[in-house]
Amino acid sequence: MSLLTTTQEPPPKSKSKWVGTAARIFIAVVVLAVVILVAMWARGLGPVQEFLAQYPGHSELPHNAPVGIPAWLGWQHFLNAFFIVLIIRSGWQVRTTARPKAYWTRKNTGIFKTRSKPSKISLELWFHLSMDMLWLLNGLIFIVMLFVSGGWMRIVPTSWDVFPNALSAALQYASLNWPVENGWVNYNALQVLAYFTIVFIAAPLAAITGVRMSPAWPKGNAALDKIYPMEAARKIHFPVMIFFTAFVIMHVALVLCTGALKNLNHMFASREDAGWLGFGIFALSVAVMVGSYFLAKPIFLRPIAGLMGKISK
């Protein structure tokens, strides 16, 4: 008996990790089921039915709000998704890579020449920062076009009733009796708040915290470091990435579950019908994103990074 006791090994950590993950998934499913049942029960109550009748789930838009989704927004949508996928991938690599296989140092020449010596960063961080810059440039173009075209009125709340309407839409989603969708004309209030949060809150937070954590932040400036410490940026930056990831998953799920062909035509083909053109463009864009995701490895990144700096081990 003592021999068996001394030779018995503790369970591997990987097994306990899987058990913990399974337990969390089970709890999440139970909580989701409870939320659905409670929402279904609530919708049968008289006061709740009156609330839903008064607030159907969407706010009225200003009379001069544009109708439809222009082609430029479809391109912006694809580029935004493309960059976010690679930003999330490279950000996770930066966070989890203990020993980078390669490093990158900026060429200190031309318009980018500085007095101080360029910092040497990992190839993963170079890729992450490069995608960040392209994403920010795309976002800047998006913001300009949004206000020039008047499209801002579709994602910026213009009435306080957006909040009770958002609660109404959330209750309808939770009860599985979803709100009527007509994204070509108007988003429901919950979508408006989600898009507003992504564009005007989460994206700026990602940019501001990313700059603080990047080599672009001035070194040796005690006053700036005290006002905006590195740890504060880190505590915000990673949760923002999680928020973006959750938003993308929920966004794609709802697009596919609330009239996939029509929604994809809106987003990728700028058409108000249920044809297959939008789906074809979407499938092609997914193939591009998936291919880029798997090609984002040092063996493919080195030649590109070498055009802009020095690669070393």
Protein backbone atom coordinates (compact mmCIF):
# COMPACT_ATOMS: atom_id res chain seq x y z
CA MET A 1 0.00 0.00 0.00
CA SER A 2 2.79 2.39 0.85
CA LEU A 3 4.56 1.54 -2.42
CA LEU A 4 1.44 2.44 -4.41
CA THR A 5 1.12 5.64 -2.48
CA THR A 6 4.70 6.74 -3.09
CA THR A 7 4.71 5.90 -6.81
CA GLN A 8 1.36 7.49 -7.60
CA GLU A 9 1.83 10.70 -9.61
CA PRO A 10 -0.36 13.79 -9.33
CA PRO A 11 -2.78 14.39 -12.21
CA PRO A 12 -1.24 16.30 -15.07
CA LYS A 13 -1.89 20.02 -15.13
CA SER A 14 -3.31 19.83 -18.65
CA LYS A 15 -6.08 17.50 -17.44
CA SER A 16 -7.09 19.79 -14.58
CA LYS A 17 -7.02 22.73 -16.99
CA TRP A 18 -9.45 20.97 -19.34
CA VAL A 19 -11.70 20.09 -16.39
CA GLY A 20 -11.76 23.73 -15.33
CA THR A 21 -12.56 24.88 -18.88
CA ALA A 22 -15.37 22.32 -19.18
CA ALA A 23 -16.81 23.46 -15.85
CA ARG A 24 -16.81 27.11 -16.96
CA ILE A 25 -18.51 26.20 -20.25
CA PHE A 26 -21.16 24.21 -18.39
CA ILE A 27 -21.83 27.12 -16.02
CA ALA A 28 -22.06 29.54 -18.96
CA VAL A 29 -24.61 27.28 -20.71
CA VAL A 30 -26.70 27.02 -17.54
CA VAL A 31 -26.63 30.80 -17.03
CA LEU A 32 -27.61 31.35 -20.67
CA ALA A 33 -30.52 28.91 -20.34
CA VAL A 34 -31.73 30.70 -17.20
CA VAL A 35 -31.53 34.10 -18.95
CA ILE A 36 -33.57 32.78 -21.90
CA LEU A 37 -36.25 31.25 -19.64
CA VAL A 38 -36.53 34.40 -17.52
CA ALA A 39 -36.79 36.58 -20.65
CA MET A 40 -39.52 34.34 -22.10
CA TRP A 41 -41.42 34.51 -18.82
CA ALA A 42 -41.03 38.30 -18.60
CA ARG A 43 -42.41 38.84 -22.11
CA GLY A 44 -45.71 37.30 -20.99
CA LEU A 45 -46.22 39.95 -18.30
CA GLY A 46 -48.61 42.80 -19.07
CA PRO A 47 -46.32 45.70 -18.05
CA VAL A 48 -43.46 44.22 -20.11
CA GLN A 49 -45.70 43.90 -23.17
CA GLU A 50 -46.71 47.56 -22.77
CA PHE A 51 -43.02 48.51 -22.49
CA LEU A 52 -42.19 46.59 -25.70
CA ALA A 53 -45.10 48.25 -27.50
CA GLN A 54 -43.91 51.72 -26.44
CA TYR A 55 -40.25 50.95 -27.18
CA PRO A 56 -40.08 48.47 -30.10
CA GLY A 57 -36.26 48.34 -30.08
CA HIS A 58 -35.17 51.13 -32.43
CA SER A 59 -35.06 54.91 -32.30
CA GLU A 60 -36.21 57.15 -35.10
CA LEU A 61 -33.40 58.59 -37.20
CA PRO A 62 -33.11 62.26 -38.18
CA HIS A 63 -35.07 63.00 -41.37
CA ASN A 64 -31.87 63.64 -43.34
CA ALA A 65 -30.12 60.41 -42.33
CA PRO A 66 -28.78 58.49 -45.35
CA VAL A 67 -30.44 55.24 -46.41
CA GLY A 68 -28.46 52.20 -47.46
CA ILE A 69 -24.84 51.16 -47.11
CA PRO A 70 -22.41 52.71 -49.65
CA ALA A 71 -19.66 50.74 -51.38
CA TRP A 72 -16.87 52.58 -49.55
CA LEU A 73 -18.28 51.32 -46.26
CA GLY A 74 -18.15 47.75 -47.55
CA TRP A 75 -14.43 48.12 -48.30
CA GLN A 76 -13.89 49.74 -44.92
CA HIS A 77 -15.73 46.89 -43.26
CA PHE A 78 -13.49 44.29 -44.91
CA LEU A 79 -10.26 46.15 -44.16
CA ASN A 80 -11.30 46.77 -40.57
CA ALA A 81 -12.07 43.08 -40.03
CA PHE A 82 -8.84 42.06 -41.78
CA PHE A 83 -6.65 44.29 -39.60
CA ILE A 84 -8.49 43.41 -36.37
CA VAL A 85 -8.00 39.68 -36.98
CA LEU A 86 -4.26 40.17 -37.47
CA ILE A 87 -4.02 42.62 -34.56
CA ILE A 88 -5.64 40.10 -32.22
CA ARG A 89 -3.38 37.32 -33.51
CA SER A 90 -0.18 39.34 -33.25
CA GLY A 91 -1.22 40.80 -29.88
CA TRP A 92 -1.70 37.31 -28.49
CA GLN A 93 1.70 36.32 -29.90
CA VAL A 94 3.33 39.30 -28.19
CA ARG A 95 1.67 38.37 -24.91
CA THR A 96 2.52 34.65 -25.01
CA THR A 97 5.91 34.46 -26.80
CA ALA A 98 8.58 34.10 -24.13
CA ARG A 99 11.58 33.84 -26.47
CA PRO A 100 11.12 35.59 -29.82
CA LYS A 101 12.86 33.91 -32.75
CA ALA A 102 13.77 37.22 -34.37
CA TYR A 103 14.07 40.92 -33.60
CA TRP A 104 13.57 44.05 -35.71
CA THR A 105 15.36 47.40 -35.51
CA ARG A 106 14.11 50.42 -37.43
CA LYS A 107 16.38 52.01 -40.04
CA ASN A 108 17.43 55.34 -38.60
CA THR A 109 17.51 57.16 -41.93
CA GLY A 110 15.36 59.47 -44.02
CA ILE A 111 12.24 61.11 -42.61
CA PHE A 112 12.19 58.62 -39.71
CA LYS A 113 15.70 59.52 -38.53
CA THR A 114 15.89 60.33 -34.81
CA ARG A 115 18.61 61.47 -32.44
CA SER A 116 18.18 58.52 -30.15
CA LYS A 117 19.08 54.99 -31.16
CA PRO A 118 16.09 52.96 -32.43
CA SER A 119 14.80 50.30 -30.06
CA LYS A 120 15.13 46.62 -30.92
CA ILE A 121 11.76 44.90 -30.70
CA SER A 122 10.54 41.38 -31.38
CA LEU A 123 9.29 40.53 -34.84
CA GLU A 124 5.87 39.79 -33.31
CA LEU A 125 5.71 43.28 -31.80
CA TRP A 126 6.79 44.82 -35.13
CA PHE A 127 3.95 42.99 -36.88
CA HIS A 128 1.46 44.03 -34.19
CA LEU A 129 2.49 47.70 -34.41
CA SER A 130 2.42 47.63 -38.23
CA MET A 131 -1.13 46.27 -38.23
CA ASP A 132 -2.06 48.87 -35.62
CA MET A 133 -0.85 51.69 -37.87
CA LEU A 134 -2.76 50.39 -40.89
CA TRP A 135 -5.86 49.89 -38.77
CA LEU A 136 -5.63 53.44 -37.42
CA LEU A 137 -5.19 54.84 -40.92
CA ASN A 138 -8.21 52.90 -42.11
CA GLY A 139 -10.14 54.11 -39.06
CA LEU A 140 -9.22 57.73 -39.74
CA ILE A 141 -10.53 57.44 -43.30
CA PHE A 142 -13.67 55.79 -41.95
CA ILE A 143 -14.34 58.61 -39.45
CA VAL A 144 -13.86 61.29 -42.12
CA MET A 145 -16.16 59.52 -44.58
CA LEU A 146 -18.70 58.85 -41.83
CA PHE A 147 -19.12 62.55 -41.06
CA VAL A 148 -18.85 63.73 -44.67
CA SER A 149 -21.57 61.32 -45.82
CA GLY A 150 -23.86 61.78 -42.82
CA GLY A 151 -23.54 58.11 -41.93
CA TRP A 152 -22.67 59.08 -38.36
CA MET A 153 -26.40 59.53 -37.70
CA ARG A 154 -26.85 55.77 -38.02
CA ILE A 155 -24.39 54.85 -35.22
CA VAL A 156 -24.42 57.91 -32.94
CA PRO A 157 -27.44 58.09 -30.59
CA THR A 158 -29.48 61.22 -31.32
CA SER A 159 -32.24 60.63 -28.76
CA TRP A 160 -32.36 59.50 -25.13
CA ASP A 161 -34.94 56.84 -26.01
CA VAL A 162 -32.07 54.78 -27.40
CA PHE A 163 -31.58 53.36 -23.89
CA PRO A 164 -35.08 51.96 -23.24
CA ASN A 165 -35.15 50.79 -26.87
CA ALA A 166 -31.81 49.03 -26.32
CA LEU A 167 -33.27 47.31 -23.23
CA SER A 168 -36.26 46.28 -25.34
CA ALA A 169 -34.01 44.87 -28.08
CA ALA A 170 -31.92 43.00 -25.50
CA LEU A 171 -35.06 41.44 -24.00
CA GLN A 172 -36.24 40.40 -27.46
CA TYR A 173 -32.88 38.81 -28.26
CA ALA A 174 -32.77 37.03 -24.90
CA SER A 175 -36.27 35.59 -25.36
CA LEU A 176 -35.29 34.26 -28.82
CA ASN A 177 -38.11 36.33 -30.35
CA TRP A 178 -35.73 38.72 -32.02
CA PRO A 179 -36.44 42.32 -33.04
CA VAL A 180 -37.36 43.04 -36.65
CA GLU A 181 -34.17 43.77 -38.60
CA ASN A 182 -33.86 46.39 -41.33
CA GLY A 183 -30.19 47.33 -41.26
CA TRP A 184 -30.42 48.91 -44.70
CA VAL A 185 -32.48 51.74 -43.21
CA ASN A 186 -31.89 51.73 -39.45
CA TYR A 187 -30.06 49.66 -36.83
CA ASN A 188 -31.83 48.63 -33.65
CA ALA A 189 -30.89 50.57 -30.52
CA LEU A 190 -28.67 47.83 -29.12
CA GLN A 191 -26.68 47.77 -32.37
CA VAL A 192 -26.35 51.58 -32.32
CA LEU A 193 -24.90 51.52 -28.80
CA ALA A 194 -22.57 48.64 -29.69
CA TYR A 195 -21.27 50.35 -32.86
CA PHE A 196 -20.90 53.67 -31.04
CA THR A 197 -18.91 51.97 -28.27
CA ILE A 198 -16.62 50.19 -30.74
CA VAL A 199 -15.93 53.24 -32.92
CA PHE A 200 -15.80 56.08 -30.41
CA ILE A 201 -14.73 54.40 -27.14
CA ALA A 202 -13.01 51.02 -27.61
CA ALA A 203 -10.99 51.99 -30.70
CA PRO A 204 -9.56 55.21 -29.14
CA LEU A 205 -8.77 53.29 -25.92
CA ALA A 206 -6.91 50.65 -27.93
CA ALA A 207 -4.95 53.36 -29.75
CA ILE A 208 -4.11 55.45 -26.67
CA THR A 209 -3.00 52.49 -24.57
CA GLY A 210 -1.14 50.98 -27.53
CA VAL A 211 0.91 54.16 -28.00
CA ARG A 212 1.85 54.12 -24.31
CA MET A 213 3.11 50.54 -24.60
CA SER A 214 4.93 51.05 -27.90
CA PRO A 215 8.53 52.19 -28.58
CA ALA A 216 7.07 55.49 -29.83
CA TRP A 217 6.46 56.61 -26.23
CA PRO A 218 9.15 59.12 -25.09
CA LYS A 219 11.76 57.40 -22.94
CA GLY A 220 13.15 58.86 -19.72
CA ASN A 221 10.34 61.38 -19.23
CA ALA A 222 9.47 60.90 -15.56
CA ALA A 223 6.62 63.42 -15.61
CA LEU A 224 4.83 61.71 -18.51
CA ASP A 225 5.44 58.26 -17.02
CA LYS A 226 3.90 59.40 -13.74
CA ILE A 227 0.84 60.90 -15.42
CA TYR A 228 0.30 57.84 -17.59
CA PRO A 229 2.06 54.78 -16.12
CA MET A 230 2.73 51.70 -18.24
CA GLU A 231 0.77 49.41 -15.90
CA ALA A 232 -2.38 51.51 -16.33
CA ALA A 233 -2.15 51.10 -20.10
CA ARG A 234 -1.62 47.35 -19.82
CA LYS A 235 -4.63 46.94 -17.54
CA ILE A 236 -6.81 48.60 -20.18
CA HIS A 237 -5.27 47.34 -23.42
CA PHE A 238 -5.79 43.60 -22.94
CA PRO A 239 -9.45 43.83 -21.80
CA VAL A 240 -10.13 46.05 -24.82
CA MET A 241 -8.74 43.29 -27.05
CA ILE A 242 -11.06 40.80 -25.33
CA PHE A 243 -13.96 43.18 -25.92
CA PHE A 244 -13.11 43.45 -29.62
CA THR A 245 -12.90 39.66 -29.87
CA ALA A 246 -16.28 39.18 -28.17
CA PHE A 247 -17.84 41.86 -30.39
CA VAL A 248 -16.54 40.22 -33.58
CA ILE A 249 -17.89 36.80 -32.53
CA MET A 250 -21.32 38.19 -31.58
CA HIS A 251 -21.46 40.42 -34.66
CA VAL A 252 -20.74 37.56 -37.08
CA ALA A 253 -23.18 35.26 -35.27
CA LEU A 254 -26.04 37.76 -35.49
CA VAL A 255 -25.29 38.57 -39.14
CA LEU A 256 -25.56 34.87 -40.01
CA CYS A 257 -28.63 34.23 -37.82
CA THR A 258 -30.79 37.22 -38.83
CA GLY A 259 -30.93 36.78 -42.59
CA ALA A 260 -27.41 35.93 -43.74
CA LEU A 261 -27.79 36.56 -47.48
CA LYS A 262 -29.56 39.89 -47.02
CA ASN A 263 -27.13 41.09 -44.34
CA LEU A 264 -24.06 40.06 -46.33
CA ASN A 265 -25.41 41.85 -49.40
CA HIS A 266 -25.81 44.98 -47.29
CA MET A 267 -22.29 44.78 -45.90
CA PHE A 268 -20.26 43.55 -48.86
CA ALA A 269 -22.25 44.25 -52.04
CA SER A 270 -24.15 47.45 -51.11
CA ARG A 271 -27.39 45.88 -52.32
CA GLU A 272 -30.84 45.56 -50.76
CA ASP A 273 -31.75 42.02 -51.80
CA ALA A 274 -31.17 38.40 -50.81
CA GLY A 275 -28.91 37.37 -53.69
CA TRP A 276 -25.63 35.48 -53.42
CA LEU A 277 -23.20 38.23 -54.46
CA GLY A 278 -22.61 39.44 -50.91
CA PHE A 279 -22.07 35.89 -49.69
CA GLY A 280 -19.49 35.28 -52.43
CA ILE A 281 -17.55 38.43 -51.54
CA PHE A 282 -17.80 37.53 -47.85
CA ALA A 283 -16.49 34.00 -48.49
CA LEU A 284 -13.56 35.42 -50.47
CA SER A 285 -12.77 37.92 -47.72
CA VAL A 286 -12.86 35.16 -45.08
CA ALA A 287 -10.46 33.09 -47.20
CA VAL A 288 -8.09 36.08 -47.38
CA MET A 289 -8.27 36.63 -43.62
CA VAL A 290 -7.79 32.96 -42.76
CA GLY A 291 -4.87 32.69 -45.18
CA SER A 292 -3.24 35.80 -43.75
CA TYR A 293 -3.78 34.50 -40.21
CA PHE A 294 -1.83 31.32 -40.92
CA LEU A 295 0.81 33.05 -43.02
CA ALA A 296 1.61 35.53 -40.23
CA LYS A 297 4.70 33.57 -39.17
CA PRO A 298 8.35 34.64 -38.86
CA ILE A 299 9.37 32.84 -42.06
CA PHE A 300 6.99 35.06 -44.06
CA LEU A 301 7.27 38.20 -41.94
CA ARG A 302 11.08 38.45 -42.04
CA PRO A 303 11.37 39.50 -45.74
CA ILE A 304 8.70 42.19 -45.31
CA ALA A 305 10.12 43.51 -42.04
CA GLY A 306 13.60 43.52 -43.60
CA LEU A 307 12.47 46.16 -46.09
CA MET A 308 11.93 48.62 -43.26
CA GLY A 309 14.64 47.67 -40.80
CA LYS A 310 17.28 45.23 -39.69
CA ILE A 311 16.43 41.65 -38.69
CA SER A 312 18.51 40.00 -35.99
CA LYS A 313 18.33 37.13 -33.52
